[in-house]
């Protein structure tokens, strides 16, 4: 029974996705240098991370960040949607008398609108020798389809 339903639904879904595709514009516009400085290329995602280790004996730090954004349907505001995955991890370790560590991660994305769903996960662990911070955001802006 499930196979029969799948055989009916799969071609239907494929025809809907093909019908929604639109051709790219064929007349590009050349911009001057001043205009290029004012262009906003859609969505933005940033992550700030720092790690500090202070010690007279041994201090180690490592910072890793990533920010990826995707925007679809930007030529048609009714179908525009997007997504962002932003995250970072910072680690610091120090050993010795007077040793100190500090870490921080702050991710951000500019997805906005009435149909944005996001989730953020943050962690921070601090011990005598090691300090670890991590944070990530996953945000999705679903297309808003209006019959009007």
C-alpha atoms as a PDB file:
ATOM      1  CA  UNK A   1       0.000   0.000   0.000  1.00  0.00           C
ATOM      2  CA  UNK A   2       2.782   2.419   0.919  1.00  0.00           C
ATOM      3  CA  UNK A   3       4.611   1.669  -2.335  1.00  0.00           C
ATOM      4  CA  UNK A   4       1.507   2.478  -4.377  1.00  0.00           C
ATOM      5  CA  UNK A   5       1.102   5.830  -2.608  1.00  0.00           C
ATOM      6  CA  UNK A   6       4.801   6.614  -3.115  1.00  0.00           C
ATOM      7  CA  UNK A   7       4.532   5.811  -6.838  1.00  0.00           C
ATOM      8  CA  UNK A   8       1.686   8.307  -7.115  1.00  0.00           C
ATOM      9  CA  UNK A   9       3.188  11.087  -4.944  1.00  0.00           C
ATOM     10  CA  UNK A  10       6.788  11.120  -6.253  1.00  0.00           C
ATOM     11  CA  UNK A  11       5.919  12.083  -9.883  1.00  0.00           C
ATOM     12  CA  UNK A  12       3.425  14.648  -8.567  1.00  0.00           C
ATOM     13  CA  UNK A  13       6.063  16.294  -6.343  1.00  0.00           C
ATOM     14  CA  UNK A  14       8.559  16.322  -9.204  1.00  0.00           C
ATOM     15  CA  UNK A  15       6.080  18.066 -11.522  1.00  0.00           C
ATOM     16  CA  UNK A  16       5.318  20.720  -8.873  1.00  0.00           C
ATOM     17  CA  UNK A  17       9.014  21.486  -8.343  1.00  0.00           C
ATOM     18  CA  UNK A  18       9.619  21.752 -12.095  1.00  0.00           C
ATOM     19  CA  UNK A  19       6.617  24.053 -12.505  1.00  0.00           C
ATOM     20  CA  UNK A  20       7.966  26.422  -9.809  1.00  0.00           C
ATOM     21  CA  UNK A  21      11.362  26.900 -11.500  1.00  0.00           C
ATOM     22  CA  UNK A  22      11.933  30.284 -13.149  1.00  0.00           C
ATOM     23  CA  UNK A  23      14.622  31.306 -15.653  1.00  0.00           C
ATOM     24  CA  UNK A  24      17.423  33.633 -14.578  1.00  0.00           C
ATOM     25  CA  UNK A  25      17.325  37.205 -15.906  1.00  0.00           C
ATOM     26  CA  UNK A  26      19.280  37.518 -19.148  1.00  0.00           C
ATOM     27  CA  UNK A  27      20.137  41.223 -18.987  1.00  0.00           C
ATOM     28  CA  UNK A  28      22.808  41.864 -16.322  1.00  0.00           C
ATOM     29  CA  UNK A  29      23.365  45.408 -15.074  1.00  0.00           C
ATOM     30  CA  UNK A  30      26.908  46.761 -14.770  1.00  0.00           C
ATOM     31  CA  UNK A  31      27.496  48.768 -11.579  1.00  0.00           C
ATOM     32  CA  UNK A  32      30.007  51.536 -10.975  1.00  0.00           C
ATOM     33  CA  UNK A  33      32.579  51.319  -8.171  1.00  0.00           C
ATOM     34  CA  UNK A  34      30.441  53.558  -5.938  1.00  0.00           C
ATOM     35  CA  UNK A  35      27.376  51.408  -6.552  1.00  0.00           C
ATOM     36  CA  UNK A  36      29.305  48.225  -5.779  1.00  0.00           C
ATOM     37  CA  UNK A  37      30.203  49.632  -2.343  1.00  0.00           C
ATOM     38  CA  UNK A  38      26.487  49.974  -1.570  1.00  0.00           C
ATOM     39  CA  UNK A  39      25.360  46.490  -2.653  1.00  0.00           C
ATOM     40  CA  UNK A  40      23.880  44.200  -0.015  1.00  0.00           C
ATOM     41  CA  UNK A  41      24.099  40.601  -1.142  1.00  0.00           C
ATOM     42  CA  UNK A  42      21.196  39.234   0.881  1.00  0.00           C
ATOM     43  CA  UNK A  43      21.514  37.480   4.195  1.00  0.00           C
ATOM     44  CA  UNK A  44      24.398  37.838   6.629  1.00  0.00           C
ATOM     45  CA  UNK A  45      25.746  35.623   9.373  1.00  0.00           C
ATOM     46  CA  UNK A  46      28.634  36.364  11.720  1.00  0.00           C
ATOM     47  CA  UNK A  47      30.328  34.693  14.633  1.00  0.00           C
ATOM     48  CA  UNK A  48      32.722  36.317  17.100  1.00  0.00           C
ATOM     49  CA  UNK A  49      34.924  34.002  19.143  1.00  0.00           C
ATOM     50  CA  UNK A  50      37.919  34.541  21.384  1.00  0.00           C
ATOM     51  CA  UNK A  51      40.133  32.386  23.551  1.00  0.00           C
ATOM     52  CA  UNK A  52      42.819  33.608  25.927  1.00  0.00           C
ATOM     53  CA  UNK A  53      45.306  31.652  28.003  1.00  0.00           C
ATOM     54  CA  UNK A  54      47.797  33.336  30.360  1.00  0.00           C
ATOM     55  CA  UNK A  55      50.471  31.358  32.173  1.00  0.00           C
ATOM     56  CA  UNK A  56      54.177  31.496  33.027  1.00  0.00           C
ATOM     57  CA  UNK A  57      54.464  27.762  32.188  1.00  0.00           C
ATOM     58  CA  UNK A  58      52.068  26.683  29.393  1.00  0.00           C
ATOM     59  CA  UNK A  59      49.213  28.405  27.561  1.00  0.00           C
ATOM     60  CA  UNK A  60      47.309  27.018  24.552  1.00  0.00           C
ATOM     61  CA  UNK A  61      44.366  28.528  22.626  1.00  0.00           C
ATOM     62  CA  UNK A  62      42.309  27.495  19.613  1.00  0.00           C
ATOM     63  CA  UNK A  63      39.343  29.162  17.896  1.00  0.00           C
ATOM     64  CA  UNK A  64      37.198  27.639  15.129  1.00  0.00           C
ATOM     65  CA  UNK A  65      34.265  29.433  13.466  1.00  0.00           C
ATOM     66  CA  UNK A  66      31.968  28.860  10.498  1.00  0.00           C
ATOM     67  CA  UNK A  67      29.139  30.864   8.942  1.00  0.00           C
ATOM     68  CA  UNK A  68      27.050  29.676   5.981  1.00  0.00           C
ATOM     69  CA  UNK A  69      23.980  31.394   4.521  1.00  0.00           C
ATOM     70  CA  UNK A  70      21.678  30.462   1.659  1.00  0.00           C
ATOM     71  CA  UNK A  71      18.992  32.653   0.088  1.00  0.00           C
ATOM     72  CA  UNK A  72      16.486  31.467  -2.494  1.00  0.00           C
ATOM     73  CA  UNK A  73      13.912  33.232  -4.615  1.00  0.00           C
ATOM     74  CA  UNK A  74      15.509  36.646  -4.126  1.00  0.00           C
ATOM     75  CA  UNK A  75      14.119  37.799  -7.498  1.00  0.00           C
ATOM     76  CA  UNK A  76      10.580  37.151  -6.301  1.00  0.00           C
ATOM     77  CA  UNK A  77       9.778  38.566  -2.828  1.00  0.00           C
ATOM     78  CA  UNK A  78       6.762  36.254  -2.498  1.00  0.00           C
ATOM     79  CA  UNK A  79       8.987  33.183  -2.751  1.00  0.00           C
ATOM     80  CA  UNK A  80      12.091  34.496  -0.976  1.00  0.00           C
ATOM     81  CA  UNK A  81      13.403  32.246   1.747  1.00  0.00           C
ATOM     82  CA  UNK A  82      16.725  31.470   3.291  1.00  0.00           C
ATOM     83  CA  UNK A  83      18.705  29.719   5.912  1.00  0.00           C
ATOM     84  CA  UNK A  84      21.767  30.232   8.049  1.00  0.00           C
ATOM     85  CA  UNK A  85      24.032  27.967  10.046  1.00  0.00           C
ATOM     86  CA  UNK A  86      26.454  29.867  12.256  1.00  0.00           C
ATOM     87  CA  UNK A  87      28.703  28.469  14.933  1.00  0.00           C
ATOM     88  CA  UNK A  88      31.984  28.612  16.735  1.00  0.00           C
ATOM     89  CA  UNK A  89      34.098  26.841  19.308  1.00  0.00           C
ATOM     90  CA  UNK A  90      36.858  28.374  21.413  1.00  0.00           C
ATOM     91  CA  UNK A  91      39.238  26.482  23.698  1.00  0.00           C
ATOM     92  CA  UNK A  92      41.885  27.757  26.071  1.00  0.00           C
ATOM     93  CA  UNK A  93      44.184  25.932  28.427  1.00  0.00           C
ATOM     94  CA  UNK A  94      46.819  27.171  30.871  1.00  0.00           C
ATOM     95  CA  UNK A  95      48.942  25.603  33.599  1.00  0.00           C
ATOM     96  CA  UNK A  96      51.137  27.105  36.287  1.00  0.00           C
ATOM     97  CA  UNK A  97      50.965  29.555  39.159  1.00  0.00           C
ATOM     98  CA  UNK A  98      48.656  32.458  38.322  1.00  0.00           C
ATOM     99  CA  UNK A  99      47.383  30.799  35.125  1.00  0.00           C
ATOM    100  CA  UNK A 100      44.081  32.095  33.730  1.00  0.00           C
ATOM    101  CA  UNK A 101      41.844  31.203  30.781  1.00  0.00           C
ATOM    102  CA  UNK A 102      38.841  32.798  29.135  1.00  0.00           C
ATOM    103  CA  UNK A 103      36.641  31.932  26.150  1.00  0.00           C
ATOM    104  CA  UNK A 104      33.565  33.351  24.453  1.00  0.00           C
ATOM    105  CA  UNK A 105      31.493  32.639  21.299  1.00  0.00           C
ATOM    106  CA  UNK A 106      28.726  34.936  19.989  1.00  0.00           C
ATOM    107  CA  UNK A 107      26.950  33.925  16.751  1.00  0.00           C
ATOM    108  CA  UNK A 108      24.380  36.138  14.979  1.00  0.00           C
ATOM    109  CA  UNK A 109      22.300  36.161  11.803  1.00  0.00           C
ATOM    110  CA  UNK A 110      20.086  38.829  10.245  1.00  0.00           C
ATOM    111  CA  UNK A 111      17.214  36.602   9.133  1.00  0.00           C
ATOM    112  CA  UNK A 112      14.007  38.512   9.811  1.00  0.00           C
ATOM    113  CA  UNK A 113      10.356  38.330   8.902  1.00  0.00           C
ATOM    114  CA  UNK A 114       7.155  36.719  10.051  1.00  0.00           C
ATOM    115  CA  UNK A 115       8.088  33.174   9.092  1.00  0.00           C
ATOM    116  CA  UNK A 116      11.559  32.712  10.655  1.00  0.00           C
ATOM    117  CA  UNK A 117      12.301  29.695  12.830  1.00  0.00           C
ATOM    118  CA  UNK A 118      15.581  29.468  14.695  1.00  0.00           C
ATOM    119  CA  UNK A 119      17.282  27.466  17.380  1.00  0.00           C
ATOM    120  CA  UNK A 120      20.443  28.321  19.309  1.00  0.00           C
ATOM    121  CA  UNK A 121      22.622  26.027  21.378  1.00  0.00           C
ATOM    122  CA  UNK A 122      25.348  27.360  23.677  1.00  0.00           C
ATOM    123  CA  UNK A 123      27.755  25.641  26.033  1.00  0.00           C
ATOM    124  CA  UNK A 124      30.442  26.796  28.418  1.00  0.00           C
ATOM    125  CA  UNK A 125      32.685  24.652  30.565  1.00  0.00           C
ATOM    126  CA  UNK A 126      35.339  25.964  32.880  1.00  0.00           C
ATOM    127  CA  UNK A 127      37.843  23.983  34.905  1.00  0.00           C
ATOM    128  CA  UNK A 128      41.206  24.488  36.625  1.00  0.00           C
ATOM    129  CA  UNK A 129      43.209  23.972  33.431  1.00  0.00           C
ATOM    130  CA  UNK A 130      40.759  24.290  30.538  1.00  0.00           C
ATOM    131  CA  UNK A 131      38.021  26.703  29.470  1.00  0.00           C
ATOM    132  CA  UNK A 132      35.725  25.782  26.526  1.00  0.00           C
ATOM    133  CA  UNK A 133      32.883  27.786  24.942  1.00  0.00           C
ATOM    134  CA  UNK A 134      30.713  26.911  21.976  1.00  0.00           C
ATOM    135  CA  UNK A 135      27.599  28.310  20.395  1.00  0.00           C
ATOM    136  CA  UNK A 136      25.620  27.729  17.198  1.00  0.00           C
ATOM    137  CA  UNK A 137      22.468  29.059  15.554  1.00  0.00           C
ATOM    138  CA  UNK A 138      20.378  27.334  12.908  1.00  0.00           C
ATOM    139  CA  UNK A 139      17.794  29.676  11.368  1.00  0.00           C
ATOM    140  CA  UNK A 140      15.368  29.118   8.486  1.00  0.00           C
ATOM    141  CA  UNK A 141      13.203  31.709   6.789  1.00  0.00           C
ATOM    142  CA  UNK A 142      10.425  29.851   4.958  1.00  0.00           C
ATOM    143  CA  UNK A 143       8.911  31.395   1.829  1.00  0.00           C
ATOM    144  CA  UNK A 144       5.701  33.294   2.397  1.00  0.00           C
ATOM    145  CA  UNK A 145       3.180  32.388  -0.264  1.00  0.00           C
ATOM    146  CA  UNK A 146       0.225  34.739  -0.443  1.00  0.00           C
ATOM    147  CA  UNK A 147      -2.797  34.237  -2.744  1.00  0.00           C
ATOM    148  CA  UNK A 148      -3.061  38.024  -3.189  1.00  0.00           C
END
